[in-house]
Amino acid sequence: MYDNILIPYDGSDEAKKGATNGIELAAAVDAQVHALYVIDLPGVPRALSIRDNEEEVRREYEEYAQEVLSEACELAATHDVDCREVTRTGSPSEEITDYAETADVDVIAIGSAYRGKVGALIGGTAEKVVRSSTTPVITHRMDADSI
């Protein structure tokens, strides 16, 4: 059924809930997990302080990516699930859906934050992935009491 499960992971509380759900599913069906962190650098025009120190900012993002992906893969290891760490740069929702298609994953397991009634109209990364992905998506939504 599922051989490869994509878990977009940024270390947030909602991402942890989605990762736990995806890893438990992977353990149940003997699938591999692809933990993905997307570096979302500010677009153009960039603030002068960011533009002048872009290399340093990129290095800090990459270090953080390694840190959170290691965390996700450690969680996978506690469930005896193989985990692959992947870092990409760009728009999170676009990179998630693109990776899902190019890496031939079977399902995306993603956490979703509680945004309230107004925030739900705008939507976050999880909502954008659900709307644009051709790969099936399993979401784990946090409730108002979880924030």
N, C-alpha and C. Protein backbone atom coordinates (compact mmCIF):
# COMPACT_ATOMS: atom_id res chain seq x y z
N MET A 1 0.83 -1.19 0.00
CA MET A 1 0.00 0.00 0.00
C MET A 1 0.87 1.26 0.00
N TYR A 2 1.61 1.49 1.09
CA TYR A 2 2.51 2.63 1.17
C TYR A 2 3.94 2.12 1.37
N ASP A 3 4.83 2.49 0.47
CA ASP A 3 6.24 2.14 0.61
C ASP A 3 7.08 3.33 1.04
N ASN A 4 6.66 4.54 0.62
CA ASN A 4 7.38 5.78 0.92
C ASN A 4 6.41 6.84 1.38
N ILE A 5 6.68 7.37 2.57
CA ILE A 5 5.81 8.39 3.16
C ILE A 5 6.62 9.67 3.33
N LEU A 6 6.12 10.76 2.78
CA LEU A 6 6.78 12.06 2.91
C LEU A 6 6.25 12.77 4.15
N ILE A 7 7.19 13.22 4.98
CA ILE A 7 6.82 13.98 6.17
C ILE A 7 7.51 15.34 6.11
N PRO A 8 6.78 16.38 5.70
CA PRO A 8 7.34 17.73 5.76
C PRO A 8 7.52 18.10 7.23
N TYR A 9 8.71 18.57 7.59
CA TYR A 9 9.00 18.76 9.01
C TYR A 9 9.82 20.02 9.23
N ASP A 10 9.30 20.90 10.10
CA ASP A 10 10.02 22.13 10.42
C ASP A 10 10.28 22.30 11.91
N GLY A 11 9.96 21.26 12.69
CA GLY A 11 10.20 21.32 14.12
C GLY A 11 9.09 21.95 14.93
N SER A 12 8.06 22.49 14.29
CA SER A 12 6.96 23.11 15.01
C SER A 12 6.09 22.04 15.68
N ASP A 13 5.22 22.47 16.59
CA ASP A 13 4.34 21.53 17.28
C ASP A 13 3.43 20.78 16.31
N GLU A 14 2.89 21.51 15.34
CA GLU A 14 2.01 20.83 14.38
C GLU A 14 2.78 19.85 13.50
N ALA A 15 4.03 20.20 13.16
CA ALA A 15 4.86 19.29 12.38
C ALA A 15 5.18 18.03 13.17
N LYS A 16 5.39 18.17 14.48
CA LYS A 16 5.66 17.01 15.33
C LYS A 16 4.46 16.08 15.37
N LYS A 17 3.27 16.64 15.45
CA LYS A 17 2.07 15.80 15.43
C LYS A 17 1.93 15.07 14.10
N GLY A 18 2.15 15.79 13.00
CA GLY A 18 2.09 15.16 11.69
C GLY A 18 3.16 14.10 11.51
N ALA A 19 4.38 14.37 12.01
CA ALA A 19 5.48 13.41 11.90
C ALA A 19 5.18 12.16 12.70
N THR A 20 4.68 12.33 13.91
CA THR A 20 4.35 11.17 14.74
C THR A 20 3.31 10.31 14.04
N ASN A 21 2.29 10.94 13.51
CA ASN A 21 1.24 10.22 12.78
C ASN A 21 1.82 9.48 11.57
N GLY A 22 2.65 10.16 10.79
CA GLY A 22 3.24 9.56 9.60
C GLY A 22 4.20 8.43 9.93
N ILE A 23 4.98 8.60 10.99
CA ILE A 23 5.93 7.57 11.39
C ILE A 23 5.21 6.34 11.93
N GLU A 24 4.16 6.55 12.71
CA GLU A 24 3.37 5.41 13.19
C GLU A 24 2.74 4.65 12.03
N LEU A 25 2.27 5.38 11.02
CA LEU A 25 1.73 4.73 9.83
C LEU A 25 2.83 3.95 9.12
N ALA A 26 4.01 4.55 8.98
CA ALA A 26 5.14 3.88 8.32
C ALA A 26 5.50 2.59 9.05
N ALA A 27 5.50 2.63 10.38
CA ALA A 27 5.82 1.44 11.17
C ALA A 27 4.77 0.35 10.95
N ALA A 28 3.51 0.75 10.84
CA ALA A 28 2.43 -0.23 10.67
C ALA A 28 2.46 -0.91 9.31
N VAL A 29 2.93 -0.18 8.28
CA VAL A 29 2.92 -0.75 6.92
C VAL A 29 4.31 -1.05 6.38
N ASP A 30 5.32 -0.93 7.24
CA ASP A 30 6.71 -1.20 6.88
C ASP A 30 7.17 -0.33 5.71
N ALA A 31 6.97 0.99 5.86
CA ALA A 31 7.35 1.95 4.82
C ALA A 31 8.57 2.75 5.26
N GLN A 32 9.20 3.38 4.29
CA GLN A 32 10.31 4.30 4.56
C GLN A 32 9.74 5.71 4.66
N VAL A 33 10.36 6.52 5.52
CA VAL A 33 9.95 7.92 5.70
C VAL A 33 10.97 8.82 5.01
N HIS A 34 10.47 9.84 4.32
CA HIS A 34 11.30 10.90 3.75
C HIS A 34 10.96 12.16 4.56
N ALA A 35 11.88 12.58 5.44
CA ALA A 35 11.68 13.79 6.23
C ALA A 35 12.21 14.97 5.42
N LEU A 36 11.35 15.94 5.14
CA LEU A 36 11.69 17.05 4.27
C LEU A 36 11.59 18.38 5.00
N TYR A 37 12.67 19.16 4.95
CA TYR A 37 12.67 20.52 5.47
C TYR A 37 12.88 21.46 4.29
N VAL A 38 12.03 22.48 4.18
CA VAL A 38 12.14 23.44 3.09
C VAL A 38 12.64 24.77 3.64
N ILE A 39 13.77 25.20 3.12
CA ILE A 39 14.33 26.50 3.48
C ILE A 39 13.59 27.55 2.66
N ASP A 40 12.90 28.44 3.37
CA ASP A 40 12.10 29.47 2.73
C ASP A 40 12.77 30.81 2.93
N LEU A 41 13.72 31.14 2.05
CA LEU A 41 14.41 32.42 2.14
C LEU A 41 13.50 33.54 1.64
N PRO A 42 13.65 34.73 2.21
CA PRO A 42 12.83 35.85 1.76
C PRO A 42 13.03 36.13 0.26
N GLY A 43 11.98 36.56 -0.38
CA GLY A 43 12.06 36.82 -1.82
C GLY A 43 12.60 38.20 -2.13
N VAL A 44 12.54 38.55 -3.38
CA VAL A 44 13.04 39.84 -3.84
C VAL A 44 11.88 40.83 -3.79
N PRO A 45 12.03 42.07 -3.37
CA PRO A 45 13.29 42.62 -2.89
C PRO A 45 13.57 42.18 -1.46
N ARG A 46 14.79 41.82 -1.20
CA ARG A 46 15.19 41.38 0.13
C ARG A 46 15.60 42.58 0.96
N ALA A 47 15.40 42.44 2.25
CA ALA A 47 15.86 43.48 3.17
C ALA A 47 17.38 43.59 3.05
N LEU A 48 17.90 44.79 3.17
CA LEU A 48 19.34 44.99 3.03
C LEU A 48 20.14 44.11 3.99
N SER A 49 19.68 43.99 5.22
CA SER A 49 20.42 43.21 6.21
C SER A 49 20.47 41.74 5.80
N ILE A 50 19.42 41.23 5.21
CA ILE A 50 19.40 39.83 4.77
C ILE A 50 20.24 39.67 3.51
N ARG A 51 20.09 40.60 2.57
CA ARG A 51 20.85 40.50 1.33
C ARG A 51 22.35 40.54 1.58
N ASP A 52 22.77 41.43 2.49
CA ASP A 52 24.19 41.56 2.78
C ASP A 52 24.75 40.34 3.49
N ASN A 53 23.93 39.63 4.23
CA ASN A 53 24.39 38.46 4.99
C ASN A 53 23.72 37.18 4.50
N GLU A 54 23.37 37.12 3.23
CA GLU A 54 22.59 35.99 2.73
C GLU A 54 23.30 34.66 2.94
N GLU A 55 24.60 34.63 2.75
CA GLU A 55 25.34 33.39 2.93
C GLU A 55 25.27 32.91 4.37
N GLU A 56 25.38 33.84 5.31
CA GLU A 56 25.27 33.48 6.73
C GLU A 56 23.86 33.01 7.07
N VAL A 57 22.86 33.69 6.55
CA VAL A 57 21.47 33.29 6.79
C VAL A 57 21.22 31.90 6.22
N ARG A 58 21.71 31.64 5.02
CA ARG A 58 21.55 30.33 4.39
C ARG A 58 22.22 29.24 5.24
N ARG A 59 23.40 29.53 5.75
CA ARG A 59 24.12 28.56 6.58
C ARG A 59 23.32 28.26 7.85
N GLU A 60 22.74 29.29 8.47
CA GLU A 60 21.94 29.09 9.68
C GLU A 60 20.70 28.26 9.39
N TYR A 61 20.05 28.52 8.25
CA TYR A 61 18.89 27.72 7.85
C TYR A 61 19.30 26.26 7.64
N GLU A 62 20.43 26.04 6.99
CA GLU A 62 20.88 24.67 6.73
C GLU A 62 21.23 23.94 8.02
N GLU A 63 21.84 24.64 8.98
CA GLU A 63 22.13 24.03 10.28
C GLU A 63 20.84 23.67 11.00
N TYR A 64 19.87 24.57 10.95
CA TYR A 64 18.58 24.29 11.60
C TYR A 64 17.90 23.11 10.91
N ALA A 65 17.96 23.06 9.59
CA ALA A 65 17.36 21.95 8.85
C ALA A 65 17.95 20.62 9.31
N GLN A 66 19.27 20.56 9.42
CA GLN A 66 19.93 19.33 9.88
C GLN A 66 19.47 18.95 11.28
N GLU A 67 19.33 19.95 12.14
CA GLU A 67 18.90 19.71 13.52
C GLU A 67 17.50 19.12 13.58
N VAL A 68 16.55 19.74 12.88
CA VAL A 68 15.17 19.25 12.96
C VAL A 68 14.98 17.93 12.20
N LEU A 69 15.69 17.76 11.10
CA LEU A 69 15.58 16.50 10.37
C LEU A 69 16.17 15.34 11.18
N SER A 70 17.24 15.61 11.90
CA SER A 70 17.80 14.59 12.79
C SER A 70 16.78 14.21 13.85
N GLU A 71 16.07 15.20 14.37
CA GLU A 71 15.03 14.97 15.36
C GLU A 71 13.94 14.06 14.79
N ALA A 72 13.49 14.35 13.57
CA ALA A 72 12.45 13.53 12.94
C ALA A 72 12.94 12.10 12.71
N CYS A 73 14.18 11.96 12.26
CA CYS A 73 14.70 10.62 11.99
C CYS A 73 14.98 9.85 13.27
N GLU A 74 15.31 10.55 14.36
CA GLU A 74 15.45 9.88 15.65
C GLU A 74 14.11 9.32 16.10
N LEU A 75 13.05 10.08 15.89
CA LEU A 75 11.71 9.59 16.21
C LEU A 75 11.38 8.37 15.36
N ALA A 76 11.72 8.42 14.09
CA ALA A 76 11.48 7.27 13.21
C ALA A 76 12.25 6.05 13.69
N ALA A 77 13.49 6.25 14.13
CA ALA A 77 14.32 5.14 14.61
C ALA A 77 13.70 4.47 15.83
N THR A 78 13.03 5.24 16.68
CA THR A 78 12.38 4.64 17.86
C THR A 78 11.23 3.72 17.46
N HIS A 79 10.75 3.86 16.24
CA HIS A 79 9.68 3.00 15.71
C HIS A 79 10.23 1.99 14.69
N ASP A 80 11.57 1.88 14.61
CA ASP A 80 12.23 0.98 13.64
C ASP A 80 11.83 1.29 12.20
N VAL A 81 11.76 2.57 11.88
CA VAL A 81 11.40 3.03 10.53
C VAL A 81 12.62 3.67 9.90
N ASP A 82 12.94 3.27 8.66
CA ASP A 82 14.02 3.90 7.92
C ASP A 82 13.62 5.33 7.57
N CYS A 83 14.58 6.24 7.68
CA CYS A 83 14.30 7.66 7.46
C CYS A 83 15.37 8.27 6.58
N ARG A 84 14.93 9.00 5.59
CA ARG A 84 15.82 9.73 4.68
C ARG A 84 15.63 11.22 4.92
N GLU A 85 16.73 11.95 5.12
CA GLU A 85 16.66 13.39 5.35
C GLU A 85 16.84 14.14 4.04
N VAL A 86 15.94 15.10 3.78
CA VAL A 86 15.99 15.86 2.53
C VAL A 86 15.78 17.34 2.86
N THR A 87 16.62 18.20 2.27
CA THR A 87 16.46 19.64 2.41
C THR A 87 16.31 20.25 1.02
N ARG A 88 15.35 21.15 0.89
CA ARG A 88 15.15 21.88 -0.36
C ARG A 88 14.99 23.35 -0.03
N THR A 89 15.10 24.20 -1.05
CA THR A 89 14.93 25.63 -0.87
C THR A 89 13.83 26.11 -1.81
N GLY A 90 12.92 26.94 -1.28
CA GLY A 90 11.85 27.49 -2.11
C GLY A 90 10.59 27.68 -1.31
N SER A 91 9.48 27.73 -2.02
CA SER A 91 8.17 27.85 -1.38
C SER A 91 7.81 26.50 -0.76
N PRO A 92 7.53 26.47 0.55
CA PRO A 92 7.29 25.18 1.20
C PRO A 92 6.23 24.31 0.51
N SER A 93 5.07 24.86 0.22
CA SER A 93 4.02 24.03 -0.38
C SER A 93 4.42 23.53 -1.76
N GLU A 94 5.07 24.37 -2.55
CA GLU A 94 5.50 23.95 -3.89
C GLU A 94 6.59 22.89 -3.82
N GLU A 95 7.54 23.06 -2.92
CA GLU A 95 8.63 22.08 -2.79
C GLU A 95 8.12 20.75 -2.26
N ILE A 96 7.16 20.79 -1.35
CA ILE A 96 6.57 19.56 -0.82
C ILE A 96 5.88 18.78 -1.92
N THR A 97 5.03 19.46 -2.69
CA THR A 97 4.30 18.75 -3.75
C THR A 97 5.25 18.29 -4.85
N ASP A 98 6.25 19.10 -5.17
CA ASP A 98 7.21 18.71 -6.21
C ASP A 98 8.02 17.49 -5.76
N TYR A 99 8.49 17.50 -4.52
CA TYR A 99 9.26 16.36 -4.03
C TYR A 99 8.40 15.09 -4.04
N ALA A 100 7.16 15.22 -3.61
CA ALA A 100 6.26 14.05 -3.58
C ALA A 100 6.15 13.43 -4.96
N GLU A 101 6.07 14.25 -5.98
CA GLU A 101 5.94 13.73 -7.35
C GLU A 101 7.26 13.17 -7.87
N THR A 102 8.36 13.87 -7.66
CA THR A 102 9.63 13.43 -8.23
C THR A 102 10.25 12.26 -7.48
N ALA A 103 9.99 12.16 -6.18
CA ALA A 103 10.55 11.05 -5.39
C ALA A 103 9.61 9.86 -5.36
N ASP A 104 8.47 9.99 -6.02
CA ASP A 104 7.51 8.90 -6.12
C ASP A 104 7.06 8.39 -4.76
N VAL A 105 6.73 9.33 -3.85
CA VAL A 105 6.20 8.92 -2.56
C VAL A 105 4.72 8.57 -2.72
N ASP A 106 4.23 7.74 -1.81
CA ASP A 106 2.86 7.24 -1.90
C ASP A 106 1.85 8.12 -1.18
N VAL A 107 2.31 8.82 -0.14
CA VAL A 107 1.41 9.66 0.65
C VAL A 107 2.24 10.71 1.37
N ILE A 108 1.62 11.86 1.62
CA ILE A 108 2.23 12.93 2.40
C ILE A 108 1.50 12.97 3.74
N ALA A 109 2.26 12.91 4.84
CA ALA A 109 1.68 13.03 6.18
C ALA A 109 2.16 14.36 6.75
N ILE A 110 1.22 15.28 6.98
CA ILE A 110 1.60 16.64 7.37
C ILE A 110 0.73 17.13 8.51
N GLY A 111 1.35 17.86 9.43
CA GLY A 111 0.61 18.48 10.51
C GLY A 111 0.05 19.81 10.06
N SER A 112 -1.03 20.21 10.69
CA SER A 112 -1.69 21.46 10.33
C SER A 112 -2.03 22.23 11.59
N ALA A 113 -1.67 23.50 11.62
CA ALA A 113 -1.92 24.33 12.80
C ALA A 113 -3.38 24.76 12.86
N TYR A 114 -3.83 25.01 14.06
CA TYR A 114 -5.14 25.63 14.26
C TYR A 114 -5.00 27.10 13.96
N ARG A 115 -5.80 27.61 13.03
CA ARG A 115 -5.68 29.00 12.62
C ARG A 115 -6.90 29.84 12.96
N GLY A 116 -7.89 29.26 13.58
CA GLY A 116 -9.12 29.99 13.86
C GLY A 116 -9.95 30.13 12.59
N LYS A 117 -11.09 30.78 12.71
CA LYS A 117 -12.00 30.88 11.58
C LYS A 117 -11.45 31.75 10.45
N VAL A 118 -10.84 32.88 10.79
CA VAL A 118 -10.32 33.77 9.76
C VAL A 118 -9.08 33.16 9.11
N GLY A 119 -8.17 32.63 9.92
CA GLY A 119 -6.95 32.02 9.40
C GLY A 119 -7.23 30.84 8.50
N ALA A 120 -8.31 30.11 8.79
CA ALA A 120 -8.66 28.96 7.96
C ALA A 120 -9.04 29.39 6.54
N LEU A 121 -9.55 30.60 6.41
CA LEU A 121 -9.90 31.09 5.07
C LEU A 121 -8.65 31.35 4.24
N ILE A 122 -7.59 31.83 4.88
CA ILE A 122 -6.34 32.13 4.18
C ILE A 122 -5.59 30.84 3.89
N GLY A 123 -5.50 29.97 4.89
CA GLY A 123 -4.82 28.69 4.72
C GLY A 123 -3.33 28.78 4.93
N GLY A 124 -2.77 27.69 5.40
CA GLY A 124 -1.33 27.61 5.61
C GLY A 124 -0.72 26.62 4.65
N THR A 125 0.47 26.18 4.95
CA THR A 125 1.19 25.25 4.07
C THR A 125 0.41 23.97 3.87
N ALA A 126 -0.11 23.39 4.96
CA ALA A 126 -0.84 22.11 4.83
C ALA A 126 -2.04 22.26 3.89
N GLU A 127 -2.78 23.35 4.04
CA GLU A 127 -3.95 23.55 3.18
C GLU A 127 -3.54 23.71 1.72
N LYS A 128 -2.44 24.41 1.48
CA LYS A 128 -1.96 24.58 0.11
C LYS A 128 -1.53 23.25 -0.48
N VAL A 129 -0.88 22.42 0.33
CA VAL A 129 -0.46 21.10 -0.15
C VAL A 129 -1.68 20.25 -0.48
N VAL A 130 -2.67 20.26 0.39
CA VAL A 130 -3.90 19.48 0.14
C VAL A 130 -4.55 19.92 -1.16
N ARG A 131 -4.60 21.23 -1.41
CA ARG A 131 -5.27 21.75 -2.61
C ARG A 131 -4.48 21.50 -3.89
N SER A 132 -3.15 21.40 -3.80
CA SER A 132 -2.36 21.35 -5.04
C SER A 132 -1.69 20.01 -5.32
N SER A 133 -1.64 19.12 -4.36
CA SER A 133 -0.90 17.87 -4.55
C SER A 133 -1.71 16.82 -5.30
N THR A 134 -1.05 16.11 -6.20
CA THR A 134 -1.68 14.95 -6.85
C THR A 134 -1.40 13.68 -6.04
N THR A 135 -0.52 13.78 -5.05
CA THR A 135 -0.23 12.69 -4.13
C THR A 135 -1.23 12.77 -2.97
N PRO A 136 -1.76 11.64 -2.50
CA PRO A 136 -2.67 11.70 -1.36
C PRO A 136 -2.01 12.35 -0.15
N VAL A 137 -2.81 13.07 0.63
CA VAL A 137 -2.31 13.80 1.80
C VAL A 137 -3.12 13.42 3.03
N ILE A 138 -2.40 13.08 4.10
CA ILE A 138 -3.02 12.82 5.40
C ILE A 138 -2.63 13.98 6.29
N THR A 139 -3.62 14.68 6.85
CA THR A 139 -3.32 15.81 7.72
C THR A 139 -3.68 15.46 9.16
N HIS A 140 -2.93 16.02 10.07
CA HIS A 140 -3.23 15.92 11.49
C HIS A 140 -3.37 17.34 12.00
N ARG A 141 -4.60 17.77 12.17
CA ARG A 141 -4.87 19.15 12.56
C ARG A 141 -4.85 19.31 14.08
N MET A 142 -4.17 20.35 14.52
CA MET A 142 -4.19 20.69 15.94
C MET A 142 -5.50 21.40 16.24
N ASP A 143 -5.98 21.28 17.47
CA ASP A 143 -7.18 21.99 17.84
C ASP A 143 -6.82 23.24 18.64
N ALA A 144 -7.83 24.04 18.97
CA ALA A 144 -7.59 25.31 19.67
C ALA A 144 -6.94 25.09 21.02
N ASP A 145 -7.21 23.97 21.66
CA ASP A 145 -6.64 23.69 22.98
C ASP A 145 -5.16 23.32 22.92
N SER A 146 -4.66 23.00 21.72
CA SER A 146 -3.27 22.58 21.57
C SER A 146 -2.31 23.74 21.40
N ILE A 147 -2.84 24.95 21.20
CA ILE A 147 -1.96 26.08 20.97
C ILE A 147 -1.68 26.85 22.23
